[in-house]
């Protein structure tokens, strides 16, 4: 898919407030984002497993700009990543539609799985959760901003699971509206 020789893929690791993250890209755009594993070698290993044949490389300017925005977002600065070019080859049409809705949620806000489903015109919150569980672009497609309707966080497939999701939402000071934050309600 993304790693064949005519369309080489590259990655870089970079330091963030939550640890070393990885960003993978090809000439069409970002193909994946990797939240930190327990150490850099595990983060590298996860990228290599996800993208066979990928090579570590210095990021070109457009990728450097994306890294700067992601790093700022993970430090609590409001950054809009909705225009980051993504290569969605191999992503199903359904998942693309879910990711478009997730990308429309601004930093500091959340939607429920059911609200995302309703925007797609379906009545299947579980399908939304499964789609977000396959999200190769975590943070850039902010699946952490989609939560369960009961005030709970819902699943999160990245290393650290719901602890990582809670941390990302806390960094963004996330809330549904001007009422107490999700964290005020569950702490």
N, C-alpha and C. Protein backbone atom coordinates (compact mmCIF):
# COMPACT_ATOMS: atom_id res chain seq x y z
N UNK A 1 0.85 -1.19 0.00
CA UNK A 1 0.00 0.00 0.00
C UNK A 1 0.88 1.24 0.00
N UNK A 2 1.24 1.76 1.19
CA UNK A 2 1.93 3.04 1.22
C UNK A 2 3.44 2.92 1.08
N UNK A 3 4.01 1.73 1.23
CA UNK A 3 5.45 1.64 1.24
C UNK A 3 6.08 1.09 -0.02
N UNK A 4 5.32 0.95 -1.12
CA UNK A 4 5.95 0.37 -2.30
C UNK A 4 6.95 1.34 -2.92
N UNK A 5 7.96 0.81 -3.65
CA UNK A 5 9.10 1.62 -4.07
C UNK A 5 8.75 2.84 -4.90
N UNK A 6 7.68 2.80 -5.69
CA UNK A 6 7.36 3.95 -6.53
C UNK A 6 6.77 5.09 -5.69
N UNK A 7 6.37 4.79 -4.46
CA UNK A 7 5.80 5.80 -3.58
C UNK A 7 6.41 5.62 -2.19
N UNK A 8 7.71 5.98 -2.03
CA UNK A 8 8.38 5.72 -0.76
C UNK A 8 7.74 6.49 0.39
N UNK A 9 7.80 5.88 1.57
CA UNK A 9 7.26 6.49 2.78
C UNK A 9 8.40 6.73 3.76
N UNK A 10 8.26 7.80 4.52
CA UNK A 10 9.29 8.22 5.46
C UNK A 10 8.65 8.51 6.81
N UNK A 11 9.49 8.54 7.85
CA UNK A 11 8.99 8.93 9.16
C UNK A 11 10.08 9.66 9.92
N UNK A 12 9.65 10.38 10.93
CA UNK A 12 10.56 11.01 11.87
C UNK A 12 9.94 10.94 13.26
N UNK A 13 10.79 10.90 14.27
CA UNK A 13 10.33 11.00 15.65
C UNK A 13 10.61 12.42 16.12
N UNK A 14 9.75 12.92 17.00
CA UNK A 14 9.96 14.26 17.54
C UNK A 14 9.42 14.32 18.96
N UNK A 15 10.04 15.15 19.75
CA UNK A 15 9.70 15.26 21.17
C UNK A 15 8.47 16.14 21.35
N UNK A 16 7.57 15.70 22.23
CA UNK A 16 6.38 16.49 22.57
C UNK A 16 6.20 16.46 24.09
N UNK A 17 5.22 17.22 24.56
CA UNK A 17 4.91 17.27 25.99
C UNK A 17 4.47 15.91 26.54
N UNK A 18 4.03 15.00 25.66
CA UNK A 18 3.58 13.68 26.13
C UNK A 18 4.59 12.59 25.80
N UNK A 19 5.75 12.97 25.25
CA UNK A 19 6.78 12.00 24.90
C UNK A 19 7.06 12.02 23.41
N UNK A 20 8.01 11.16 22.97
CA UNK A 20 8.39 11.16 21.56
C UNK A 20 7.30 10.54 20.67
N UNK A 21 6.78 11.35 19.75
CA UNK A 21 5.76 10.91 18.80
C UNK A 21 6.43 10.65 17.44
N UNK A 22 5.73 9.96 16.57
CA UNK A 22 6.23 9.71 15.23
C UNK A 22 5.23 10.20 14.19
N UNK A 23 5.77 10.70 13.08
CA UNK A 23 4.93 11.13 11.97
C UNK A 23 5.46 10.46 10.71
N UNK A 24 4.55 9.83 9.96
CA UNK A 24 4.91 9.14 8.72
C UNK A 24 4.25 9.84 7.55
N UNK A 25 4.98 9.93 6.42
CA UNK A 25 4.44 10.64 5.26
C UNK A 25 4.99 10.06 3.97
N UNK A 26 4.30 10.41 2.87
CA UNK A 26 4.80 10.17 1.52
C UNK A 26 4.55 11.45 0.74
N UNK A 27 4.73 11.41 -0.58
CA UNK A 27 4.60 12.68 -1.31
C UNK A 27 3.17 13.20 -1.35
N UNK A 28 2.18 12.35 -1.02
CA UNK A 28 0.78 12.80 -1.05
C UNK A 28 0.32 13.39 0.28
N UNK A 29 1.06 13.13 1.35
CA UNK A 29 0.66 13.67 2.63
C UNK A 29 1.02 12.74 3.78
N UNK A 30 0.45 13.04 4.93
CA UNK A 30 0.68 12.24 6.13
C UNK A 30 -0.03 10.90 5.96
N UNK A 31 0.69 9.81 6.25
CA UNK A 31 0.07 8.48 6.18
C UNK A 31 -0.16 7.90 7.57
N UNK A 32 0.46 8.49 8.58
CA UNK A 32 0.24 7.98 9.92
C UNK A 32 0.87 8.85 10.98
N UNK A 33 0.28 8.77 12.17
CA UNK A 33 0.81 9.45 13.34
C UNK A 33 0.95 8.39 14.41
N UNK A 34 2.02 8.46 15.18
CA UNK A 34 2.24 7.48 16.24
C UNK A 34 2.40 8.18 17.58
N UNK A 35 1.47 7.92 18.49
CA UNK A 35 1.62 8.41 19.86
C UNK A 35 2.77 7.66 20.52
N UNK A 36 3.33 8.23 21.59
CA UNK A 36 4.51 7.60 22.21
C UNK A 36 4.22 6.20 22.75
N UNK A 37 5.17 5.33 22.54
CA UNK A 37 5.19 4.03 23.21
C UNK A 37 6.04 4.21 24.46
N UNK A 38 6.44 3.11 25.10
CA UNK A 38 7.20 3.21 26.35
C UNK A 38 8.59 3.81 26.14
N UNK A 39 9.16 3.63 24.95
CA UNK A 39 10.44 4.24 24.64
C UNK A 39 10.54 4.43 23.13
N UNK A 40 11.57 5.17 22.70
CA UNK A 40 11.71 5.51 21.28
C UNK A 40 11.82 4.29 20.39
N UNK A 41 12.53 3.26 20.86
CA UNK A 41 12.69 2.08 20.01
C UNK A 41 11.35 1.39 19.77
N UNK A 42 10.48 1.39 20.76
CA UNK A 42 9.14 0.81 20.57
C UNK A 42 8.30 1.67 19.63
N UNK A 43 8.45 2.98 19.73
CA UNK A 43 7.72 3.88 18.82
C UNK A 43 8.19 3.63 17.40
N UNK A 44 9.51 3.53 17.19
CA UNK A 44 10.06 3.21 15.87
C UNK A 44 9.54 1.86 15.38
N UNK A 45 9.55 0.87 16.27
CA UNK A 45 9.09 -0.48 15.92
C UNK A 45 7.64 -0.49 15.50
N UNK A 46 6.80 0.29 16.20
CA UNK A 46 5.38 0.35 15.86
C UNK A 46 5.20 0.95 14.47
N UNK A 47 5.96 2.00 14.15
CA UNK A 47 5.88 2.61 12.82
C UNK A 47 6.34 1.63 11.75
N UNK A 48 7.42 0.91 12.01
CA UNK A 48 7.95 -0.06 11.04
C UNK A 48 6.93 -1.18 10.79
N UNK A 49 6.23 -1.59 11.84
CA UNK A 49 5.23 -2.64 11.70
C UNK A 49 4.02 -2.12 10.92
N UNK A 50 3.61 -0.90 11.20
CA UNK A 50 2.45 -0.32 10.52
C UNK A 50 2.73 -0.04 9.06
N UNK A 51 3.98 0.35 8.74
CA UNK A 51 4.34 0.78 7.39
C UNK A 51 5.59 0.05 6.92
N UNK A 52 5.44 -1.21 6.48
CA UNK A 52 6.62 -1.97 6.04
C UNK A 52 7.41 -1.22 4.97
N UNK A 53 8.72 -1.19 5.13
CA UNK A 53 9.59 -0.54 4.17
C UNK A 53 9.79 0.94 4.41
N UNK A 54 9.16 1.48 5.44
CA UNK A 54 9.29 2.92 5.73
C UNK A 54 10.73 3.22 6.16
N UNK A 55 11.19 4.44 5.82
CA UNK A 55 12.56 4.85 6.15
C UNK A 55 12.53 6.10 7.00
N UNK A 56 13.43 6.15 8.00
CA UNK A 56 13.56 7.37 8.80
C UNK A 56 14.28 8.42 7.98
N UNK A 57 13.78 9.66 8.02
CA UNK A 57 14.35 10.73 7.21
C UNK A 57 14.09 12.07 7.87
N UNK A 58 14.94 13.06 7.58
CA UNK A 58 14.64 14.40 8.08
C UNK A 58 13.38 14.93 7.41
N UNK A 59 12.51 15.58 8.18
CA UNK A 59 11.24 16.03 7.59
C UNK A 59 11.43 17.24 6.67
N UNK A 60 10.78 17.22 5.50
CA UNK A 60 10.79 18.40 4.63
C UNK A 60 9.98 19.53 5.29
N UNK A 61 10.09 20.76 4.77
CA UNK A 61 9.45 21.92 5.42
C UNK A 61 7.96 21.74 5.71
N UNK A 62 7.19 21.18 4.78
CA UNK A 62 5.74 21.03 5.04
C UNK A 62 5.50 20.12 6.23
N UNK A 63 6.30 19.06 6.37
CA UNK A 63 6.18 18.14 7.50
C UNK A 63 6.69 18.81 8.79
N UNK A 64 7.75 19.62 8.68
CA UNK A 64 8.24 20.37 9.84
C UNK A 64 7.14 21.27 10.40
N UNK A 65 6.38 21.90 9.52
CA UNK A 65 5.28 22.78 9.96
C UNK A 65 4.19 21.99 10.68
N UNK A 66 3.87 20.80 10.16
CA UNK A 66 2.86 19.95 10.81
C UNK A 66 3.37 19.54 12.19
N UNK A 67 4.64 19.15 12.28
CA UNK A 67 5.23 18.76 13.57
C UNK A 67 5.16 19.92 14.56
N UNK A 68 5.47 21.13 14.09
CA UNK A 68 5.42 22.31 14.97
C UNK A 68 3.99 22.51 15.50
N UNK A 69 3.00 22.35 14.63
CA UNK A 69 1.60 22.52 15.06
C UNK A 69 1.18 21.43 16.04
N UNK A 70 1.55 20.17 15.76
CA UNK A 70 1.21 19.07 16.66
C UNK A 70 1.87 19.28 18.02
N UNK A 71 3.15 19.66 18.00
CA UNK A 71 3.88 19.89 19.25
C UNK A 71 3.22 21.00 20.06
N UNK A 72 2.82 22.09 19.39
CA UNK A 72 2.14 23.19 20.07
C UNK A 72 0.80 22.74 20.65
N UNK A 73 0.04 21.96 19.86
CA UNK A 73 -1.25 21.45 20.32
C UNK A 73 -1.05 20.61 21.58
N UNK A 74 -0.03 19.76 21.59
CA UNK A 74 0.22 18.88 22.73
C UNK A 74 0.79 19.63 23.93
N UNK A 75 1.13 20.91 23.74
CA UNK A 75 1.52 21.77 24.87
C UNK A 75 0.34 22.61 25.34
N UNK A 76 -0.82 22.43 24.73
CA UNK A 76 -2.00 23.15 25.18
C UNK A 76 -2.36 24.35 24.34
N UNK A 77 -1.62 24.62 23.26
CA UNK A 77 -1.98 25.72 22.38
C UNK A 77 -3.07 25.26 21.42
N UNK A 78 -4.05 26.10 21.16
CA UNK A 78 -5.10 25.75 20.21
C UNK A 78 -4.51 25.81 18.80
N UNK A 79 -4.43 24.69 18.13
CA UNK A 79 -3.95 24.64 16.76
C UNK A 79 -4.96 23.86 15.93
N UNK A 80 -5.22 24.35 14.73
CA UNK A 80 -6.16 23.70 13.82
C UNK A 80 -5.37 22.80 12.88
N UNK A 81 -5.58 21.51 13.00
CA UNK A 81 -4.87 20.54 12.15
C UNK A 81 -5.77 20.03 11.03
N UNK A 82 -6.93 20.67 10.83
CA UNK A 82 -7.91 20.14 9.87
C UNK A 82 -7.46 20.29 8.42
N UNK A 83 -6.42 21.09 8.17
CA UNK A 83 -5.94 21.25 6.79
C UNK A 83 -4.68 20.44 6.51
N UNK A 84 -4.22 19.67 7.48
CA UNK A 84 -3.05 18.82 7.25
C UNK A 84 -3.39 17.83 6.14
N UNK A 85 -2.56 17.76 5.07
CA UNK A 85 -2.87 16.82 3.99
C UNK A 85 -2.66 15.37 4.45
N UNK A 86 -3.70 14.57 4.28
CA UNK A 86 -3.65 13.16 4.66
C UNK A 86 -3.73 12.30 3.40
N UNK A 87 -2.91 11.26 3.34
CA UNK A 87 -3.03 10.27 2.27
C UNK A 87 -3.92 9.16 2.80
N UNK A 88 -5.17 9.13 2.34
CA UNK A 88 -6.14 8.15 2.84
C UNK A 88 -6.30 6.95 1.92
N UNK A 89 -5.29 6.69 1.08
CA UNK A 89 -5.34 5.49 0.26
C UNK A 89 -5.41 4.29 1.21
N UNK A 90 -6.34 3.40 0.98
CA UNK A 90 -6.49 2.25 1.85
C UNK A 90 -7.43 2.48 3.03
N UNK A 91 -7.93 3.72 3.19
CA UNK A 91 -8.91 4.01 4.23
C UNK A 91 -10.29 3.89 3.58
N UNK A 92 -11.20 3.17 4.23
CA UNK A 92 -12.53 2.95 3.64
C UNK A 92 -13.30 4.26 3.55
N UNK A 93 -14.29 4.29 2.67
CA UNK A 93 -15.14 5.48 2.51
C UNK A 93 -15.84 5.82 3.83
N UNK A 94 -16.33 4.81 4.55
CA UNK A 94 -17.00 5.06 5.83
C UNK A 94 -16.03 5.73 6.81
N UNK A 95 -14.82 5.16 6.93
CA UNK A 95 -13.84 5.73 7.86
C UNK A 95 -13.48 7.17 7.46
N UNK A 96 -13.35 7.41 6.16
CA UNK A 96 -13.05 8.79 5.71
C UNK A 96 -14.11 9.76 6.19
N UNK A 97 -15.38 9.35 6.08
CA UNK A 97 -16.48 10.23 6.49
C UNK A 97 -16.44 10.47 8.01
N UNK A 98 -16.14 9.41 8.78
CA UNK A 98 -16.02 9.56 10.23
C UNK A 98 -14.87 10.50 10.56
N UNK A 99 -13.73 10.34 9.88
CA UNK A 99 -12.55 11.16 10.16
C UNK A 99 -12.79 12.62 9.79
N UNK A 100 -13.55 12.86 8.73
CA UNK A 100 -13.89 14.24 8.36
C UNK A 100 -14.67 14.92 9.47
N UNK A 101 -15.63 14.20 10.06
CA UNK A 101 -16.40 14.77 11.16
C UNK A 101 -15.50 15.00 12.37
N UNK A 102 -14.67 14.01 12.70
CA UNK A 102 -13.76 14.17 13.84
C UNK A 102 -12.83 15.37 13.64
N UNK A 103 -12.38 15.57 12.41
CA UNK A 103 -11.47 16.70 12.13
C UNK A 103 -12.17 18.04 12.27
N UNK A 104 -13.51 18.05 12.23
CA UNK A 104 -14.25 19.30 12.37
C UNK A 104 -14.45 19.71 13.83
N UNK A 105 -14.09 18.83 14.78
CA UNK A 105 -14.25 19.15 16.20
C UNK A 105 -13.05 20.00 16.62
N UNK A 106 -13.28 21.24 17.05
CA UNK A 106 -12.14 22.09 17.40
C UNK A 106 -11.49 21.65 18.71
N UNK A 107 -10.22 22.03 18.91
CA UNK A 107 -9.56 21.74 20.18
C UNK A 107 -10.39 22.27 21.34
N UNK A 108 -10.46 21.49 22.41
CA UNK A 108 -11.20 21.91 23.58
C UNK A 108 -12.67 21.55 23.55
N UNK A 109 -13.12 20.90 22.48
CA UNK A 109 -14.52 20.48 22.37
C UNK A 109 -14.58 18.97 22.14
N UNK A 110 -15.73 18.38 22.43
CA UNK A 110 -15.92 16.96 22.18
C UNK A 110 -17.30 16.72 21.57
N UNK A 111 -17.43 15.62 20.87
CA UNK A 111 -18.73 15.09 20.43
C UNK A 111 -18.83 13.67 20.99
N UNK A 112 -20.06 13.17 21.10
CA UNK A 112 -20.23 11.77 21.50
C UNK A 112 -20.19 10.89 20.25
N UNK A 113 -19.96 9.60 20.47
CA UNK A 113 -20.01 8.64 19.36
C UNK A 113 -21.36 8.72 18.66
N UNK A 114 -22.44 8.87 19.46
CA UNK A 114 -23.78 8.97 18.91
C UNK A 114 -23.98 10.22 18.07
N UNK A 115 -23.40 11.35 18.51
CA UNK A 115 -23.51 12.58 17.73
C UNK A 115 -22.80 12.46 16.39
N UNK A 116 -21.63 11.80 16.38
CA UNK A 116 -20.93 11.58 15.11
C UNK A 116 -21.78 10.69 14.21
N UNK A 117 -22.35 9.63 14.79
CA UNK A 117 -23.21 8.72 14.01
C UNK A 117 -24.39 9.49 13.42
N UNK A 118 -25.02 10.34 14.22
CA UNK A 118 -26.18 11.11 13.75
C UNK A 118 -25.78 12.02 12.58
N UNK A 119 -24.60 12.62 12.66
CA UNK A 119 -24.14 13.49 11.57
C UNK A 119 -23.92 12.69 10.29
N UNK A 120 -23.64 11.38 10.43
CA UNK A 120 -23.49 10.51 9.26
C UNK A 120 -24.83 9.93 8.82
N UNK A 121 -25.88 10.19 9.60
CA UNK A 121 -27.19 9.67 9.26
C UNK A 121 -27.36 8.20 9.59
N UNK A 122 -26.58 7.71 10.55
CA UNK A 122 -26.73 6.31 10.97
C UNK A 122 -27.03 6.28 12.46
N UNK A 123 -27.54 5.15 12.93
CA UNK A 123 -27.83 4.99 14.35
C UNK A 123 -26.95 3.86 14.88
N UNK A 124 -25.62 4.09 14.86
CA UNK A 124 -24.70 3.03 15.27
C UNK A 124 -23.44 3.64 15.86
N UNK A 125 -23.52 4.00 17.14
CA UNK A 125 -22.37 4.61 17.82
C UNK A 125 -21.18 3.64 17.85
N UNK A 126 -21.47 2.34 17.96
CA UNK A 126 -20.38 1.35 18.03
C UNK A 126 -19.55 1.37 16.75
N UNK A 127 -20.19 1.54 15.59
CA UNK A 127 -19.45 1.60 14.32
C UNK A 127 -18.50 2.80 14.31
N UNK A 128 -18.93 3.89 14.94
CA UNK A 128 -18.07 5.08 15.02
C UNK A 128 -16.85 4.75 15.88
N UNK A 129 -17.08 4.11 17.02
CA UNK A 129 -15.97 3.73 17.89
C UNK A 129 -14.99 2.81 17.20
N UNK A 130 -15.52 1.85 16.43
CA UNK A 130 -14.64 0.92 15.71
C UNK A 130 -13.84 1.66 14.64
N UNK A 131 -14.48 2.57 13.93
CA UNK A 131 -13.79 3.36 12.91
C UNK A 131 -12.66 4.17 13.54
N UNK A 132 -12.96 4.85 14.66
CA UNK A 132 -11.94 5.66 15.32
C UNK A 132 -10.82 4.80 15.89
N UNK A 133 -11.14 3.55 16.24
CA UNK A 133 -10.11 2.62 16.70
C UNK A 133 -9.12 2.27 15.60
N UNK A 134 -9.53 2.42 14.36
CA UNK A 134 -8.64 2.15 13.21
C UNK A 134 -7.91 3.41 12.74
N UNK A 135 -8.19 4.54 13.35
CA UNK A 135 -7.64 5.83 12.91
C UNK A 135 -6.12 5.80 12.87
N UNK A 136 -5.50 5.89 11.68
CA UNK A 136 -4.04 5.90 11.62
C UNK A 136 -3.43 7.27 11.88
N UNK A 137 -4.29 8.28 12.04
CA UNK A 137 -3.83 9.68 12.12
C UNK A 137 -4.14 10.29 13.49
N UNK A 138 -4.05 9.51 14.58
CA UNK A 138 -4.39 10.01 15.91
C UNK A 138 -3.82 11.40 16.12
N UNK A 139 -4.51 12.23 16.83
CA UNK A 139 -4.22 13.64 17.12
C UNK A 139 -4.55 14.50 15.90
N UNK A 140 -4.04 14.16 14.71
CA UNK A 140 -4.36 14.95 13.50
C UNK A 140 -5.84 14.74 13.14
N UNK A 141 -6.29 13.48 13.15
CA UNK A 141 -7.73 13.19 13.16
C UNK A 141 -8.03 12.93 14.64
N UNK A 142 -8.59 13.93 15.33
CA UNK A 142 -8.63 13.91 16.79
C UNK A 142 -9.69 12.97 17.36
N UNK A 143 -9.43 11.67 17.26
CA UNK A 143 -10.37 10.67 17.77
C UNK A 143 -10.54 10.81 19.29
N UNK A 144 -9.55 11.42 19.96
CA UNK A 144 -9.67 11.61 21.41
C UNK A 144 -10.79 12.59 21.76
N UNK A 145 -11.27 13.36 20.77
CA UNK A 145 -12.35 14.32 21.02
C UNK A 145 -13.74 13.69 20.86
N UNK A 146 -13.80 12.39 20.66
CA UNK A 146 -15.09 11.69 20.57
C UNK A 146 -15.20 10.80 21.81
N UNK A 147 -16.28 11.03 22.56
CA UNK A 147 -16.43 10.40 23.88
C UNK A 147 -17.79 9.70 23.98
N UNK A 148 -17.94 8.91 25.03
CA UNK A 148 -19.20 8.22 25.27
C UNK A 148 -20.25 9.19 25.80
N UNK A 149 -21.51 8.86 25.59
CA UNK A 149 -22.61 9.76 25.96
C UNK A 149 -22.80 9.87 27.46
N UNK A 150 -22.33 8.90 28.22
CA UNK A 150 -22.59 8.87 29.67
C UNK A 150 -21.55 9.67 30.47
N UNK A 151 -20.75 10.48 29.78
CA UNK A 151 -19.72 11.23 30.47
C UNK A 151 -18.42 10.47 30.62
N UNK A 152 -18.44 9.18 30.21
CA UNK A 152 -17.20 8.41 30.25
C UNK A 152 -16.42 8.68 28.97
N UNK A 153 -15.17 8.28 28.97
CA UNK A 153 -14.30 8.61 27.84
C UNK A 153 -14.54 7.75 26.62
N UNK A 154 -14.93 6.49 26.82
CA UNK A 154 -14.98 5.57 25.69
C UNK A 154 -13.58 5.01 25.46
N UNK A 155 -13.44 4.18 24.46
CA UNK A 155 -12.17 3.50 24.22
C UNK A 155 -11.12 4.41 23.60
N UNK A 156 -9.89 3.92 23.66
CA UNK A 156 -8.78 4.60 22.99
C UNK A 156 -7.72 3.55 22.76
N UNK A 157 -7.38 3.31 21.49
CA UNK A 157 -6.53 2.17 21.16
C UNK A 157 -5.04 2.45 21.25
N UNK A 158 -4.64 3.71 21.45
CA UNK A 158 -3.21 4.04 21.53
C UNK A 158 -2.61 3.53 22.82
N UNK A 159 -1.27 3.49 22.88
CA UNK A 159 -0.56 3.13 24.09
C UNK A 159 -1.05 4.02 25.23
N UNK A 160 -1.35 3.40 26.37
CA UNK A 160 -1.86 4.17 27.50
C UNK A 160 -3.37 4.21 27.56
N UNK A 161 -4.03 3.81 26.46
CA UNK A 161 -5.49 3.71 26.44
C UNK A 161 -6.18 4.96 26.92
N UNK A 162 -7.17 4.77 27.82
CA UNK A 162 -7.99 5.90 28.25
C UNK A 162 -7.19 6.93 29.03
N UNK A 163 -6.08 6.51 29.66
CA UNK A 163 -5.22 7.48 30.36
C UNK A 163 -4.65 8.48 29.37
N UNK A 164 -4.20 7.98 28.21
CA UNK A 164 -3.67 8.87 27.16
C UNK A 164 -4.79 9.76 26.63
N UNK A 165 -5.98 9.19 26.41
CA UNK A 165 -7.11 9.97 25.91
C UNK A 165 -7.45 11.08 26.90
N UNK A 166 -7.53 10.75 28.19
CA UNK A 166 -7.84 11.74 29.22
C UNK A 166 -6.77 12.83 29.23
N UNK A 167 -5.51 12.45 29.07
CA UNK A 167 -4.42 13.43 29.09
C UNK A 167 -4.52 14.38 27.89
N UNK A 168 -4.82 13.83 26.70
CA UNK A 168 -4.98 14.68 25.52
C UNK A 168 -6.12 15.67 25.71
N UNK A 169 -7.24 15.19 26.26
CA UNK A 169 -8.38 16.07 26.48
C UNK A 169 -8.08 17.10 27.56
N UNK A 170 -7.33 16.71 28.59
CA UNK A 170 -6.96 17.65 29.65
C UNK A 170 -6.05 18.75 29.09
N UNK A 171 -5.10 18.37 28.24
CA UNK A 171 -4.21 19.35 27.62
C UNK A 171 -5.04 20.40 26.87
N UNK A 172 -6.11 19.93 26.21
CA UNK A 172 -6.97 20.83 25.43
C UNK A 172 -8.05 21.50 26.27
N UNK A 173 -8.11 21.19 27.58
CA UNK A 173 -9.14 21.72 28.45
C UNK A 173 -10.53 21.48 27.83
N UNK A 174 -10.75 20.24 27.43
CA UNK A 174 -11.94 19.89 26.64
C UNK A 174 -13.22 19.96 27.47
N UNK A 175 -14.28 20.43 26.79
CA UNK A 175 -15.61 20.48 27.40
C UNK A 175 -16.65 20.44 26.29
N UNK A 176 -17.83 19.97 26.64
CA UNK A 176 -18.92 19.92 25.66
C UNK A 176 -19.50 21.31 25.44
N UNK A 177 -19.57 22.12 26.49
CA UNK A 177 -20.11 23.47 26.37
C UNK A 177 -19.52 24.27 27.52
N UNK A 178 -20.21 25.30 27.98
CA UNK A 178 -19.64 26.13 29.05
C UNK A 178 -19.88 25.55 30.44
N UNK A 179 -20.50 24.38 30.52
CA UNK A 179 -20.70 23.73 31.81
C UNK A 179 -19.39 23.15 32.31
N UNK A 180 -19.39 22.54 33.49
CA UNK A 180 -18.13 21.94 33.99
C UNK A 180 -17.54 20.98 32.95
N UNK A 181 -16.22 20.85 32.96
CA UNK A 181 -15.58 19.99 31.98
C UNK A 181 -15.87 18.53 32.29
N UNK A 182 -15.62 17.70 31.30
CA UNK A 182 -15.72 16.26 31.45
C UNK A 182 -14.93 15.81 32.67
N UNK A 183 -13.78 16.46 32.90
CA UNK A 183 -12.88 16.05 33.98
C UNK A 183 -13.44 16.47 35.33
N UNK A 184 -14.17 17.59 35.38
CA UNK A 184 -14.84 17.99 36.63
C UNK A 184 -15.89 16.94 37.00
N UNK A 185 -16.55 16.39 35.99
CA UNK A 185 -17.65 15.45 36.23
C UNK A 185 -17.16 14.05 36.62
N UNK A 186 -15.98 13.65 36.14
CA UNK A 186 -15.55 12.27 36.40
C UNK A 186 -14.46 12.19 37.46
N UNK A 187 -13.99 13.31 37.94
CA UNK A 187 -12.91 13.24 38.95
C UNK A 187 -13.44 13.07 40.35
